[in-house]
Amino acid sequence: MATRTPDAREYLRSRVAIWSVRLRSEPTQVRVQRMTRKWGSCSSRGIVTLAEDLAERDIAFQDFVIAHELLHLRIPNHGRVFKALLTLHVPQWKRYDVRLGREFRPRREW
């Protein structure tokens, strides 16, 4: 799926909607925008922001990022409860976890 298109943004928003029901965690707003350092973030006001190029990544990685951010609406830290819920819903999360940092950013071809 290409990024920077309304389709990519709507696709990611639809994935958030699916995961919101699954996790019983409803964001106040979902933003999809250019992000250079992170794949996603969650604000204390309930705003979930996702990197627009997340739509180009593997669906399992998308699930990890989306579930991670939505769980932060319920649990603000990375403690035991957070990790237990993440393991319950995204069992393979440890293969992706680098605190959603740029270690997993795709390398750009110049």
N, C-alpha and C. Protein backbone atom coordinates (compact mmCIF):
# COMPACT_ATOMS: atom_id res chain seq x y z
N MET A 1 0.84 -1.17 0.00
CA MET A 1 0.00 0.00 0.00
C MET A 1 0.89 1.25 0.00
N ALA A 2 0.61 2.19 -0.83
CA ALA A 2 1.40 3.41 -0.93
C ALA A 2 1.07 4.36 0.21
N THR A 3 2.05 5.14 0.59
CA THR A 3 1.82 6.13 1.65
C THR A 3 1.48 7.47 1.02
N ARG A 4 1.22 8.42 1.90
CA ARG A 4 0.91 9.78 1.48
C ARG A 4 -0.31 9.85 0.57
N THR A 5 -1.20 8.93 0.75
CA THR A 5 -2.45 8.96 -0.01
C THR A 5 -3.60 8.84 0.97
N PRO A 6 -4.76 9.35 0.59
CA PRO A 6 -5.92 9.18 1.46
C PRO A 6 -6.22 7.71 1.73
N ASP A 7 -5.96 6.84 0.75
CA ASP A 7 -6.23 5.42 0.94
C ASP A 7 -5.37 4.83 2.05
N ALA A 8 -4.08 5.17 2.09
CA ALA A 8 -3.19 4.66 3.14
C ALA A 8 -3.65 5.16 4.50
N ARG A 9 -4.05 6.40 4.56
CA ARG A 9 -4.51 6.96 5.84
C ARG A 9 -5.80 6.30 6.29
N GLU A 10 -6.73 6.12 5.37
CA GLU A 10 -8.00 5.47 5.72
C GLU A 10 -7.77 4.01 6.09
N TYR A 11 -6.84 3.37 5.41
CA TYR A 11 -6.51 1.98 5.73
C TYR A 11 -6.03 1.88 7.18
N LEU A 12 -5.10 2.74 7.57
CA LEU A 12 -4.59 2.71 8.94
C LEU A 12 -5.68 3.05 9.94
N ARG A 13 -6.52 4.00 9.62
CA ARG A 13 -7.64 4.34 10.52
C ARG A 13 -8.59 3.15 10.67
N SER A 14 -8.80 2.41 9.60
CA SER A 14 -9.69 1.25 9.70
C SER A 14 -9.06 0.16 10.56
N ARG A 15 -7.74 0.00 10.49
CA ARG A 15 -7.04 -0.96 11.36
C ARG A 15 -7.15 -0.53 12.82
N VAL A 16 -7.05 0.76 13.08
CA VAL A 16 -7.21 1.26 14.45
C VAL A 16 -8.63 0.97 14.94
N ALA A 17 -9.62 1.15 14.10
CA ALA A 17 -11.01 0.88 14.49
C ALA A 17 -11.19 -0.59 14.88
N ILE A 18 -10.61 -1.48 14.11
CA ILE A 18 -10.70 -2.92 14.42
C ILE A 18 -10.05 -3.22 15.76
N TRP A 19 -8.84 -2.69 15.96
CA TRP A 19 -8.12 -2.94 17.20
C TRP A 19 -8.78 -2.23 18.40
N SER A 20 -9.43 -1.11 18.17
CA SER A 20 -10.11 -0.40 19.26
C SER A 20 -11.21 -1.27 19.86
N VAL A 21 -11.95 -1.94 19.00
CA VAL A 21 -13.00 -2.84 19.48
C VAL A 21 -12.38 -4.01 20.23
N ARG A 22 -11.37 -4.59 19.64
CA ARG A 22 -10.69 -5.75 20.22
C ARG A 22 -10.12 -5.43 21.61
N LEU A 23 -9.53 -4.26 21.76
CA LEU A 23 -8.87 -3.88 23.01
C LEU A 23 -9.77 -3.07 23.95
N ARG A 24 -10.96 -2.73 23.47
CA ARG A 24 -11.87 -1.88 24.25
C ARG A 24 -11.17 -0.60 24.68
N SER A 25 -10.56 0.02 23.71
CA SER A 25 -9.77 1.22 23.96
C SER A 25 -10.01 2.20 22.80
N GLU A 26 -10.78 3.23 23.04
CA GLU A 26 -11.22 4.14 21.99
C GLU A 26 -10.45 5.46 22.03
N PRO A 27 -9.67 5.75 20.98
CA PRO A 27 -8.97 7.04 20.94
C PRO A 27 -9.95 8.18 20.68
N THR A 28 -9.61 9.37 21.15
CA THR A 28 -10.45 10.53 20.86
C THR A 28 -10.26 10.99 19.42
N GLN A 29 -9.06 10.72 18.90
CA GLN A 29 -8.74 11.11 17.52
C GLN A 29 -7.62 10.21 17.02
N VAL A 30 -7.63 9.92 15.72
CA VAL A 30 -6.55 9.16 15.09
C VAL A 30 -5.94 10.04 14.01
N ARG A 31 -4.66 10.30 14.14
CA ARG A 31 -3.93 11.08 13.15
C ARG A 31 -2.97 10.17 12.41
N VAL A 32 -2.85 10.39 11.13
CA VAL A 32 -1.86 9.68 10.32
C VAL A 32 -1.06 10.75 9.61
N GLN A 33 0.23 10.80 9.90
CA GLN A 33 1.06 11.89 9.37
C GLN A 33 2.49 11.42 9.19
N ARG A 34 3.28 12.27 8.60
CA ARG A 34 4.70 11.97 8.41
C ARG A 34 5.38 12.00 9.78
N MET A 35 6.10 10.93 10.09
CA MET A 35 6.87 10.86 11.34
C MET A 35 8.23 10.30 10.98
N THR A 36 9.28 10.92 11.47
CA THR A 36 10.62 10.48 11.10
C THR A 36 11.34 9.71 12.20
N ARG A 37 10.87 9.80 13.42
CA ARG A 37 11.57 9.16 14.53
C ARG A 37 10.80 8.01 15.18
N LYS A 38 9.50 7.98 14.99
CA LYS A 38 8.68 6.96 15.64
C LYS A 38 7.64 6.44 14.66
N TRP A 39 7.12 5.25 14.97
CA TRP A 39 6.02 4.68 14.18
C TRP A 39 4.68 5.12 14.70
N GLY A 40 4.62 5.50 15.97
CA GLY A 40 3.35 5.91 16.55
C GLY A 40 3.55 6.58 17.89
N SER A 41 2.49 7.24 18.34
CA SER A 41 2.50 7.85 19.66
C SER A 41 1.07 7.95 20.16
N CYS A 42 0.96 8.17 21.47
CA CYS A 42 -0.34 8.30 22.11
C CYS A 42 -0.25 9.44 23.11
N SER A 43 -1.16 10.37 23.04
CA SER A 43 -1.13 11.50 23.97
C SER A 43 -2.03 11.23 25.17
N SER A 44 -1.82 11.99 26.22
CA SER A 44 -2.65 11.85 27.42
C SER A 44 -4.09 12.29 27.15
N ARG A 45 -4.32 13.00 26.06
CA ARG A 45 -5.67 13.41 25.67
C ARG A 45 -6.37 12.37 24.80
N GLY A 46 -5.70 11.23 24.59
CA GLY A 46 -6.33 10.15 23.83
C GLY A 46 -6.13 10.21 22.34
N ILE A 47 -5.19 11.02 21.89
CA ILE A 47 -4.90 11.12 20.46
C ILE A 47 -3.83 10.11 20.09
N VAL A 48 -4.17 9.23 19.15
CA VAL A 48 -3.21 8.26 18.64
C VAL A 48 -2.71 8.78 17.30
N THR A 49 -1.41 8.86 17.15
CA THR A 49 -0.78 9.33 15.92
C THR A 49 0.06 8.19 15.35
N LEU A 50 -0.12 7.92 14.06
CA LEU A 50 0.62 6.87 13.39
C LEU A 50 1.42 7.45 12.23
N ALA A 51 2.57 6.86 11.96
CA ALA A 51 3.38 7.27 10.80
C ALA A 51 2.67 6.82 9.54
N GLU A 52 2.58 7.71 8.57
CA GLU A 52 1.85 7.37 7.35
C GLU A 52 2.48 6.22 6.59
N ASP A 53 3.80 6.03 6.69
CA ASP A 53 4.43 4.92 5.97
C ASP A 53 4.32 3.59 6.72
N LEU A 54 3.64 3.58 7.87
CA LEU A 54 3.36 2.32 8.55
C LEU A 54 2.52 1.41 7.64
N ALA A 55 1.72 1.99 6.78
CA ALA A 55 0.87 1.21 5.86
C ALA A 55 1.70 0.36 4.91
N GLU A 56 2.96 0.70 4.71
CA GLU A 56 3.84 -0.06 3.83
C GLU A 56 4.49 -1.25 4.52
N ARG A 57 4.38 -1.31 5.83
CA ARG A 57 5.04 -2.36 6.60
C ARG A 57 4.18 -3.62 6.68
N ASP A 58 4.80 -4.68 7.13
CA ASP A 58 4.12 -5.95 7.34
C ASP A 58 2.93 -5.78 8.28
N ILE A 59 1.84 -6.49 7.99
CA ILE A 59 0.62 -6.32 8.79
C ILE A 59 0.84 -6.69 10.26
N ALA A 60 1.71 -7.65 10.55
CA ALA A 60 1.98 -8.01 11.94
C ALA A 60 2.66 -6.85 12.67
N PHE A 61 3.53 -6.13 11.98
CA PHE A 61 4.17 -4.97 12.59
C PHE A 61 3.15 -3.86 12.78
N GLN A 62 2.27 -3.66 11.82
CA GLN A 62 1.19 -2.69 11.97
C GLN A 62 0.36 -3.00 13.21
N ASP A 63 0.00 -4.28 13.36
CA ASP A 63 -0.79 -4.70 14.52
C ASP A 63 -0.06 -4.36 15.82
N PHE A 64 1.23 -4.63 15.86
CA PHE A 64 2.02 -4.33 17.06
C PHE A 64 1.98 -2.84 17.39
N VAL A 65 2.24 -2.01 16.41
CA VAL A 65 2.28 -0.56 16.65
C VAL A 65 0.90 -0.06 17.09
N ILE A 66 -0.14 -0.47 16.39
CA ILE A 66 -1.49 0.00 16.70
C ILE A 66 -1.92 -0.49 18.08
N ALA A 67 -1.73 -1.77 18.37
CA ALA A 67 -2.10 -2.30 19.68
C ALA A 67 -1.30 -1.62 20.79
N HIS A 68 -0.02 -1.42 20.56
CA HIS A 68 0.85 -0.75 21.53
C HIS A 68 0.29 0.63 21.89
N GLU A 69 -0.01 1.41 20.89
CA GLU A 69 -0.50 2.77 21.15
C GLU A 69 -1.88 2.76 21.80
N LEU A 70 -2.77 1.89 21.34
CA LEU A 70 -4.11 1.83 21.94
C LEU A 70 -4.06 1.36 23.39
N LEU A 71 -3.18 0.44 23.70
CA LEU A 71 -3.06 0.00 25.09
C LEU A 71 -2.59 1.12 26.00
N HIS A 72 -1.83 2.06 25.46
CA HIS A 72 -1.40 3.20 26.27
C HIS A 72 -2.57 4.09 26.67
N LEU A 73 -3.69 4.00 25.99
CA LEU A 73 -4.87 4.75 26.43
C LEU A 73 -5.38 4.21 27.76
N ARG A 74 -5.12 2.94 28.02
CA ARG A 74 -5.56 2.30 29.26
C ARG A 74 -4.44 2.21 30.29
N ILE A 75 -3.23 2.00 29.82
CA ILE A 75 -2.08 1.78 30.71
C ILE A 75 -0.94 2.68 30.23
N PRO A 76 -0.61 3.72 30.98
CA PRO A 76 0.36 4.71 30.49
C PRO A 76 1.82 4.29 30.50
N ASN A 77 2.14 3.14 31.09
CA ASN A 77 3.55 2.75 31.18
C ASN A 77 3.78 1.41 30.48
N HIS A 78 5.02 0.92 30.55
CA HIS A 78 5.38 -0.36 29.94
C HIS A 78 5.57 -1.44 31.00
N GLY A 79 4.79 -1.39 32.06
CA GLY A 79 4.91 -2.33 33.16
C GLY A 79 4.36 -3.71 32.85
N ARG A 80 4.25 -4.52 33.89
CA ARG A 80 3.82 -5.92 33.74
C ARG A 80 2.45 -6.06 33.11
N VAL A 81 1.50 -5.26 33.55
CA VAL A 81 0.14 -5.36 33.02
C VAL A 81 0.13 -5.01 31.54
N PHE A 82 0.83 -3.95 31.17
CA PHE A 82 0.92 -3.56 29.76
C PHE A 82 1.50 -4.70 28.93
N LYS A 83 2.61 -5.26 29.38
CA LYS A 83 3.26 -6.35 28.63
C LYS A 83 2.39 -7.59 28.58
N ALA A 84 1.67 -7.88 29.64
CA ALA A 84 0.78 -9.05 29.65
C ALA A 84 -0.34 -8.88 28.63
N LEU A 85 -0.94 -7.70 28.58
CA LEU A 85 -2.01 -7.46 27.61
C LEU A 85 -1.47 -7.47 26.18
N LEU A 86 -0.31 -6.90 25.98
CA LEU A 86 0.29 -6.90 24.65
C LEU A 86 0.59 -8.34 24.22
N THR A 87 1.08 -9.15 25.12
CA THR A 87 1.37 -10.56 24.82
C THR A 87 0.09 -11.32 24.50
N LEU A 88 -0.98 -11.01 25.21
CA LEU A 88 -2.26 -11.66 24.96
C LEU A 88 -2.79 -11.36 23.56
N HIS A 89 -2.66 -10.11 23.14
CA HIS A 89 -3.24 -9.69 21.87
C HIS A 89 -2.28 -9.74 20.69
N VAL A 90 -0.99 -9.56 20.94
CA VAL A 90 0.03 -9.59 19.88
C VAL A 90 1.19 -10.45 20.39
N PRO A 91 1.04 -11.78 20.36
CA PRO A 91 2.04 -12.66 20.97
C PRO A 91 3.47 -12.47 20.45
N GLN A 92 3.63 -12.06 19.22
CA GLN A 92 4.97 -11.91 18.63
C GLN A 92 5.56 -10.51 18.85
N TRP A 93 4.99 -9.72 19.76
CA TRP A 93 5.41 -8.33 19.91
C TRP A 93 6.89 -8.16 20.23
N LYS A 94 7.51 -9.11 20.90
CA LYS A 94 8.92 -8.94 21.30
C LYS A 94 9.86 -8.86 20.11
N ARG A 95 9.47 -9.44 18.98
CA ARG A 95 10.36 -9.34 17.82
C ARG A 95 10.38 -7.94 17.23
N TYR A 96 9.39 -7.13 17.56
CA TYR A 96 9.31 -5.77 17.03
C TYR A 96 9.67 -4.69 18.05
N ASP A 97 9.72 -5.04 19.31
CA ASP A 97 9.84 -4.02 20.35
C ASP A 97 11.23 -3.43 20.46
N VAL A 98 11.33 -2.18 20.07
CA VAL A 98 12.53 -1.37 20.32
C VAL A 98 11.99 0.01 20.70
N ARG A 99 10.94 -0.04 21.50
CA ARG A 99 10.22 1.17 21.91
C ARG A 99 9.76 1.98 20.70
N LEU A 100 9.40 1.27 19.65
CA LEU A 100 8.86 1.88 18.44
C LEU A 100 9.81 2.92 17.85
N GLY A 101 11.07 2.77 18.13
CA GLY A 101 12.05 3.75 17.67
C GLY A 101 12.43 3.58 16.22
N ARG A 102 13.33 4.38 15.80
CA ARG A 102 13.71 4.40 14.39
C ARG A 102 14.56 3.21 13.99
N GLU A 103 14.91 2.33 14.92
CA GLU A 103 15.65 1.12 14.56
C GLU A 103 14.91 0.31 13.51
N PHE A 104 13.59 0.41 13.50
CA PHE A 104 12.79 -0.33 12.54
C PHE A 104 12.34 0.55 11.37
N ARG A 105 12.85 1.75 11.28
CA ARG A 105 12.49 2.61 10.15
C ARG A 105 13.12 2.03 8.89
N PRO A 106 12.40 2.02 7.81
CA PRO A 106 13.01 1.51 6.57
C PRO A 106 14.10 2.45 6.10
N ARG A 107 15.14 1.88 5.56
CA ARG A 107 16.21 2.72 5.00
C ARG A 107 15.75 3.32 3.69
N ARG A 108 16.00 4.57 3.54
CA ARG A 108 15.60 5.26 2.32
C ARG A 108 16.68 5.13 1.26
N GLU A 109 16.29 4.85 0.07
CA GLU A 109 17.23 4.80 -1.05
C GLU A 109 17.41 6.22 -1.57
N TRP A 110 18.62 6.65 -1.74
CA TRP A 110 18.89 8.01 -2.25
C TRP A 110 19.15 7.98 -3.72
